[in-house]
């Protein structure tokens, strides 16, 4: 069951915990059923482990580093989806215009 609102809610919960703690209730049920959210949770866990492996005790990252990084990645993904949607809409418009031209020519040909 995929719902953009449910996906956003699960994403927010996963980001808040770095993907380490599963959400509860309806969000947990959504996570169990949504492959996209499961993949997102797995990416967050891998990213968290990678960041932890970099910790040698000499550097204390700011507490908002992981959420900020994840938000940046999400923003890039949203921008990519918008570009793809724009391209799809442009292709549909071009197809409709071509269809209108062909239909117009046929109607003129029939009328003459």
N, C-alpha and C. Protein backbone atom coordinates (compact mmCIF):
# COMPACT_ATOMS: atom_id res chain seq x y z
N UNK A 1 0.85 -1.17 0.00
CA UNK A 1 0.00 0.00 0.00
C UNK A 1 0.90 1.24 0.00
N UNK A 2 0.88 1.98 -1.07
CA UNK A 2 1.75 3.14 -1.18
C UNK A 2 0.92 4.41 -1.13
N UNK A 3 1.27 5.25 -0.20
CA UNK A 3 0.64 6.55 -0.06
C UNK A 3 1.77 7.55 0.14
N UNK A 4 1.78 8.60 -0.68
CA UNK A 4 2.86 9.58 -0.53
C UNK A 4 2.89 10.17 0.87
N UNK A 5 1.72 10.42 1.45
CA UNK A 5 1.68 10.96 2.81
C UNK A 5 2.26 9.96 3.81
N UNK A 6 1.90 8.69 3.66
CA UNK A 6 2.42 7.66 4.56
C UNK A 6 3.93 7.51 4.36
N UNK A 7 4.39 7.56 3.11
CA UNK A 7 5.83 7.47 2.84
C UNK A 7 6.58 8.63 3.48
N UNK A 8 6.02 9.84 3.36
CA UNK A 8 6.68 11.01 3.98
C UNK A 8 6.74 10.85 5.49
N UNK A 9 5.66 10.35 6.11
CA UNK A 9 5.64 10.19 7.57
C UNK A 9 6.68 9.17 8.01
N UNK A 10 6.73 8.04 7.31
CA UNK A 10 7.73 7.01 7.64
C UNK A 10 9.13 7.57 7.44
N UNK A 11 9.34 8.31 6.36
CA UNK A 11 10.64 8.90 6.09
C UNK A 11 11.06 9.83 7.22
N UNK A 12 10.14 10.66 7.69
CA UNK A 12 10.46 11.57 8.80
C UNK A 12 10.84 10.79 10.06
N UNK A 13 10.10 9.73 10.35
CA UNK A 13 10.40 8.92 11.53
C UNK A 13 11.75 8.21 11.40
N UNK A 14 12.03 7.70 10.20
CA UNK A 14 13.31 7.03 9.99
C UNK A 14 14.48 7.99 10.09
N UNK A 15 14.33 9.18 9.53
CA UNK A 15 15.40 10.17 9.60
C UNK A 15 15.65 10.57 11.05
N UNK A 16 14.59 10.71 11.80
CA UNK A 16 14.74 11.12 13.21
C UNK A 16 15.54 10.10 14.01
N UNK A 17 15.48 8.82 13.62
CA UNK A 17 16.19 7.78 14.36
C UNK A 17 17.38 7.22 13.60
N UNK A 18 17.68 7.79 12.44
CA UNK A 18 18.77 7.28 11.62
C UNK A 18 18.47 5.91 11.04
N UNK A 19 17.19 5.55 10.99
CA UNK A 19 16.78 4.27 10.44
C UNK A 19 16.97 3.11 11.39
N UNK A 20 17.43 3.38 12.60
CA UNK A 20 17.73 2.31 13.55
C UNK A 20 16.51 1.84 14.33
N UNK A 21 15.56 2.71 14.57
CA UNK A 21 14.37 2.33 15.34
C UNK A 21 13.17 2.29 14.41
N UNK A 22 12.47 1.15 14.38
CA UNK A 22 11.30 1.09 13.49
C UNK A 22 10.18 1.98 14.02
N UNK A 23 9.38 2.53 13.11
CA UNK A 23 8.23 3.32 13.55
C UNK A 23 7.19 2.41 14.20
N UNK A 24 6.16 3.00 14.75
CA UNK A 24 5.13 2.23 15.44
C UNK A 24 3.79 2.41 14.74
N UNK A 25 2.86 1.55 15.04
CA UNK A 25 1.48 1.69 14.57
C UNK A 25 1.34 1.61 13.07
N UNK A 26 0.56 2.55 12.53
CA UNK A 26 0.26 2.57 11.10
C UNK A 26 1.54 2.77 10.28
N UNK A 27 2.48 3.53 10.80
CA UNK A 27 3.74 3.75 10.08
C UNK A 27 4.54 2.46 9.97
N UNK A 28 4.52 1.64 11.03
CA UNK A 28 5.22 0.36 10.98
C UNK A 28 4.55 -0.56 9.96
N UNK A 29 3.22 -0.57 9.94
CA UNK A 29 2.49 -1.39 8.98
C UNK A 29 2.81 -0.94 7.55
N UNK A 30 2.87 0.37 7.34
CA UNK A 30 3.22 0.89 6.02
C UNK A 30 4.63 0.44 5.63
N UNK A 31 5.56 0.54 6.56
CA UNK A 31 6.95 0.16 6.29
C UNK A 31 7.03 -1.32 5.92
N UNK A 32 6.23 -2.15 6.55
CA UNK A 32 6.24 -3.59 6.25
C UNK A 32 5.75 -3.86 4.82
N UNK A 33 4.90 -2.98 4.29
CA UNK A 33 4.28 -3.23 2.98
C UNK A 33 4.91 -2.44 1.84
N UNK A 34 5.61 -1.36 2.14
CA UNK A 34 6.11 -0.45 1.10
C UNK A 34 7.59 -0.72 0.81
N UNK A 35 7.86 -1.23 -0.39
CA UNK A 35 9.24 -1.53 -0.76
C UNK A 35 10.11 -0.29 -0.83
N UNK A 36 9.52 0.82 -1.27
CA UNK A 36 10.28 2.07 -1.35
C UNK A 36 10.75 2.52 0.04
N UNK A 37 9.86 2.42 1.01
CA UNK A 37 10.22 2.82 2.38
C UNK A 37 11.21 1.83 3.00
N UNK A 38 11.08 0.55 2.67
CA UNK A 38 12.03 -0.44 3.17
C UNK A 38 13.42 -0.15 2.62
N UNK A 39 13.49 0.21 1.34
CA UNK A 39 14.78 0.55 0.74
C UNK A 39 15.36 1.80 1.39
N UNK A 40 14.50 2.77 1.66
CA UNK A 40 14.95 4.00 2.31
C UNK A 40 15.51 3.70 3.71
N UNK A 41 14.82 2.84 4.45
CA UNK A 41 15.29 2.47 5.79
C UNK A 41 16.65 1.78 5.71
N UNK A 42 16.81 0.90 4.73
CA UNK A 42 18.09 0.20 4.57
C UNK A 42 19.21 1.18 4.23
N UNK A 43 18.91 2.15 3.35
CA UNK A 43 19.93 3.17 3.00
C UNK A 43 20.32 3.99 4.23
N UNK A 44 19.33 4.34 5.04
CA UNK A 44 19.63 5.13 6.24
C UNK A 44 20.50 4.34 7.20
N UNK A 45 20.20 3.06 7.38
CA UNK A 45 21.02 2.24 8.27
C UNK A 45 22.45 2.13 7.75
N UNK A 46 22.60 1.92 6.43
CA UNK A 46 23.96 1.84 5.85
C UNK A 46 24.70 3.16 6.03
N UNK A 47 24.01 4.26 5.78
CA UNK A 47 24.64 5.57 5.93
C UNK A 47 25.05 5.79 7.38
N UNK A 48 24.19 5.43 8.31
CA UNK A 48 24.51 5.57 9.73
C UNK A 48 25.73 4.75 10.11
N UNK A 49 25.79 3.51 9.63
CA UNK A 49 26.96 2.65 9.93
C UNK A 49 28.23 3.24 9.31
N UNK A 50 28.10 3.76 8.08
CA UNK A 50 29.28 4.35 7.42
C UNK A 50 29.77 5.56 8.21
N UNK A 51 28.84 6.39 8.66
CA UNK A 51 29.24 7.56 9.45
C UNK A 51 29.87 7.14 10.77
N UNK A 52 29.34 6.11 11.40
CA UNK A 52 29.91 5.63 12.66
C UNK A 52 31.31 5.07 12.46
N UNK A 53 31.55 4.42 11.31
CA UNK A 53 32.87 3.84 11.06
C UNK A 53 33.93 4.93 10.89
N UNK A 54 33.51 6.14 10.56
CA UNK A 54 34.46 7.24 10.40
C UNK A 54 34.87 7.84 11.75
N UNK A 55 34.17 7.48 12.80
CA UNK A 55 34.42 8.06 14.11
C UNK A 55 35.69 7.46 14.72
N UNK A 56 36.70 8.28 14.84
CA UNK A 56 37.93 7.84 15.48
C UNK A 56 38.16 8.57 16.80
N UNK A 57 37.13 9.28 17.25
CA UNK A 57 37.20 9.96 18.54
C UNK A 57 37.78 11.36 18.48
N UNK A 58 38.34 11.77 17.36
CA UNK A 58 38.95 13.09 17.26
C UNK A 58 37.98 14.15 16.77
N UNK A 59 36.89 13.73 16.19
CA UNK A 59 35.96 14.68 15.60
C UNK A 59 34.56 14.38 16.10
N UNK A 60 33.91 15.40 16.60
CA UNK A 60 32.53 15.25 17.05
C UNK A 60 31.63 15.96 16.05
N UNK A 61 30.92 15.19 15.21
CA UNK A 61 30.07 15.82 14.21
C UNK A 61 28.90 16.54 14.88
N UNK A 62 28.41 17.58 14.25
CA UNK A 62 27.25 18.26 14.81
C UNK A 62 26.07 17.29 14.85
N UNK A 63 25.21 17.44 15.84
CA UNK A 63 24.10 16.49 15.99
C UNK A 63 23.14 16.48 14.80
N UNK A 64 23.09 17.56 14.05
CA UNK A 64 22.16 17.61 12.92
C UNK A 64 22.81 17.20 11.60
N UNK A 65 24.03 16.67 11.62
CA UNK A 65 24.71 16.30 10.39
C UNK A 65 23.92 15.25 9.59
N UNK A 66 23.52 14.17 10.23
CA UNK A 66 22.80 13.12 9.53
C UNK A 66 21.45 13.62 9.01
N UNK A 67 20.60 14.24 9.84
CA UNK A 67 19.33 14.73 9.29
C UNK A 67 19.51 15.75 8.17
N UNK A 68 20.50 16.62 8.30
CA UNK A 68 20.74 17.62 7.24
C UNK A 68 21.20 16.95 5.95
N UNK A 69 22.08 15.97 6.07
CA UNK A 69 22.56 15.25 4.90
C UNK A 69 21.41 14.52 4.22
N UNK A 70 20.59 13.87 5.03
CA UNK A 70 19.45 13.13 4.46
C UNK A 70 18.45 14.07 3.82
N UNK A 71 18.23 15.23 4.40
CA UNK A 71 17.31 16.19 3.80
C UNK A 71 17.85 16.69 2.47
N UNK A 72 19.14 16.91 2.40
CA UNK A 72 19.76 17.31 1.13
C UNK A 72 19.56 16.23 0.07
N UNK A 73 19.76 14.98 0.44
CA UNK A 73 19.57 13.88 -0.50
C UNK A 73 18.11 13.80 -0.95
N UNK A 74 17.17 13.97 -0.01
CA UNK A 74 15.75 13.95 -0.37
C UNK A 74 15.39 15.10 -1.29
N UNK A 75 15.95 16.28 -1.03
CA UNK A 75 15.67 17.44 -1.88
C UNK A 75 16.17 17.19 -3.31
N UNK A 76 17.34 16.58 -3.43
CA UNK A 76 17.85 16.27 -4.77
C UNK A 76 16.96 15.26 -5.47
N UNK A 77 16.47 14.27 -4.72
CA UNK A 77 15.58 13.27 -5.31
C UNK A 77 14.26 13.92 -5.75
N UNK A 78 13.73 14.82 -4.94
CA UNK A 78 12.49 15.52 -5.33
C UNK A 78 12.71 16.35 -6.59
N UNK A 79 13.86 17.02 -6.69
CA UNK A 79 14.16 17.83 -7.88
C UNK A 79 14.29 16.93 -9.11
N UNK A 80 14.91 15.76 -8.95
CA UNK A 80 15.04 14.83 -10.07
C UNK A 80 13.66 14.36 -10.53
N UNK A 81 12.79 14.07 -9.57
CA UNK A 81 11.43 13.62 -9.93
C UNK A 81 10.66 14.74 -10.64
N UNK A 82 10.83 15.98 -10.17
CA UNK A 82 10.15 17.10 -10.84
C UNK A 82 10.62 17.25 -12.27
N UNK A 83 11.93 17.11 -12.49
CA UNK A 83 12.46 17.20 -13.85
C UNK A 83 11.89 16.09 -14.73
N UNK A 84 11.82 14.89 -14.19
CA UNK A 84 11.27 13.77 -14.96
C UNK A 84 9.80 14.00 -15.26
N UNK A 85 9.06 14.52 -14.30
CA UNK A 85 7.63 14.80 -14.50
C UNK A 85 7.47 15.87 -15.56
N UNK A 86 8.31 16.90 -15.54
CA UNK A 86 8.24 17.97 -16.54
C UNK A 86 8.52 17.42 -17.93
N UNK A 87 9.49 16.54 -18.05
CA UNK A 87 9.81 15.94 -19.34
C UNK A 87 8.64 15.09 -19.84
N UNK A 88 8.02 14.36 -18.94
CA UNK A 88 6.87 13.54 -19.32
C UNK A 88 5.72 14.41 -19.78
N UNK A 89 5.47 15.49 -19.06
CA UNK A 89 4.39 16.40 -19.44
C UNK A 89 4.68 17.05 -20.79
N UNK A 90 5.92 17.40 -21.04
CA UNK A 90 6.30 18.00 -22.32
C UNK A 90 6.11 16.99 -23.46
N UNK A 91 6.48 15.76 -23.24
CA UNK A 91 6.30 14.72 -24.25
C UNK A 91 4.82 14.50 -24.54
N UNK A 92 3.98 14.51 -23.49
CA UNK A 92 2.54 14.34 -23.68
C UNK A 92 1.96 15.52 -24.46
N UNK A 93 2.42 16.72 -24.16
CA UNK A 93 1.95 17.90 -24.88
C UNK A 93 2.36 17.84 -26.35
N UNK A 94 3.58 17.41 -26.61
CA UNK A 94 4.05 17.29 -28.00
C UNK A 94 3.23 16.23 -28.75
N UNK A 95 2.91 15.13 -28.08
CA UNK A 95 2.10 14.09 -28.71
C UNK A 95 0.70 14.61 -29.00
N UNK A 96 0.12 15.36 -28.08
CA UNK A 96 -1.22 15.91 -28.29
C UNK A 96 -1.21 16.92 -29.44
N UNK A 97 -0.19 17.75 -29.51
CA UNK A 97 -0.10 18.74 -30.59
C UNK A 97 0.05 18.04 -31.94
N UNK A 98 0.87 17.00 -31.98
CA UNK A 98 1.04 16.25 -33.22
C UNK A 98 -0.27 15.60 -33.64
N UNK A 99 -0.98 15.03 -32.68
CA UNK A 99 -2.28 14.44 -32.97
C UNK A 99 -3.26 15.46 -33.49
N UNK A 100 -3.27 16.65 -32.90
CA UNK A 100 -4.18 17.71 -33.35
C UNK A 100 -3.83 18.14 -34.78
N UNK A 101 -2.55 18.24 -35.10
CA UNK A 101 -2.14 18.61 -36.46
C UNK A 101 -2.57 17.55 -37.47
N UNK A 102 -2.35 16.30 -37.14
CA UNK A 102 -2.72 15.22 -38.06
C UNK A 102 -4.23 15.19 -38.24
N UNK A 103 -4.97 15.31 -37.17
CA UNK A 103 -6.44 15.32 -37.26
C UNK A 103 -6.92 16.52 -38.06
N UNK A 104 -6.33 17.67 -37.85
CA UNK A 104 -6.71 18.87 -38.61
C UNK A 104 -6.47 18.70 -40.09
N UNK A 105 -5.37 18.11 -40.46
CA UNK A 105 -5.06 17.88 -41.88
C UNK A 105 -6.04 16.89 -42.50
N UNK A 106 -6.37 15.87 -41.73
CA UNK A 106 -7.32 14.87 -42.26
C UNK A 106 -8.70 15.48 -42.43
N UNK A 107 -9.11 16.30 -41.48
CA UNK A 107 -10.42 16.93 -41.59
C UNK A 107 -10.46 17.88 -42.78
N UNK A 108 -9.37 18.62 -43.02
CA UNK A 108 -9.32 19.52 -44.18
C UNK A 108 -9.37 18.72 -45.49
N UNK A 109 -8.67 17.59 -45.49
CA UNK A 109 -8.63 16.75 -46.67
C UNK A 109 -10.02 16.16 -46.97
N UNK A 110 -10.73 15.74 -45.94
CA UNK A 110 -12.08 15.18 -46.11
C UNK A 110 -13.05 16.26 -46.57
N UNK A 111 -12.89 17.47 -46.04
CA UNK A 111 -13.81 18.58 -46.37
C UNK A 111 -13.61 19.07 -47.81
N UNK A 112 -12.44 18.87 -48.39
CA UNK A 112 -12.22 19.40 -49.75
C UNK A 112 -12.67 18.46 -50.83
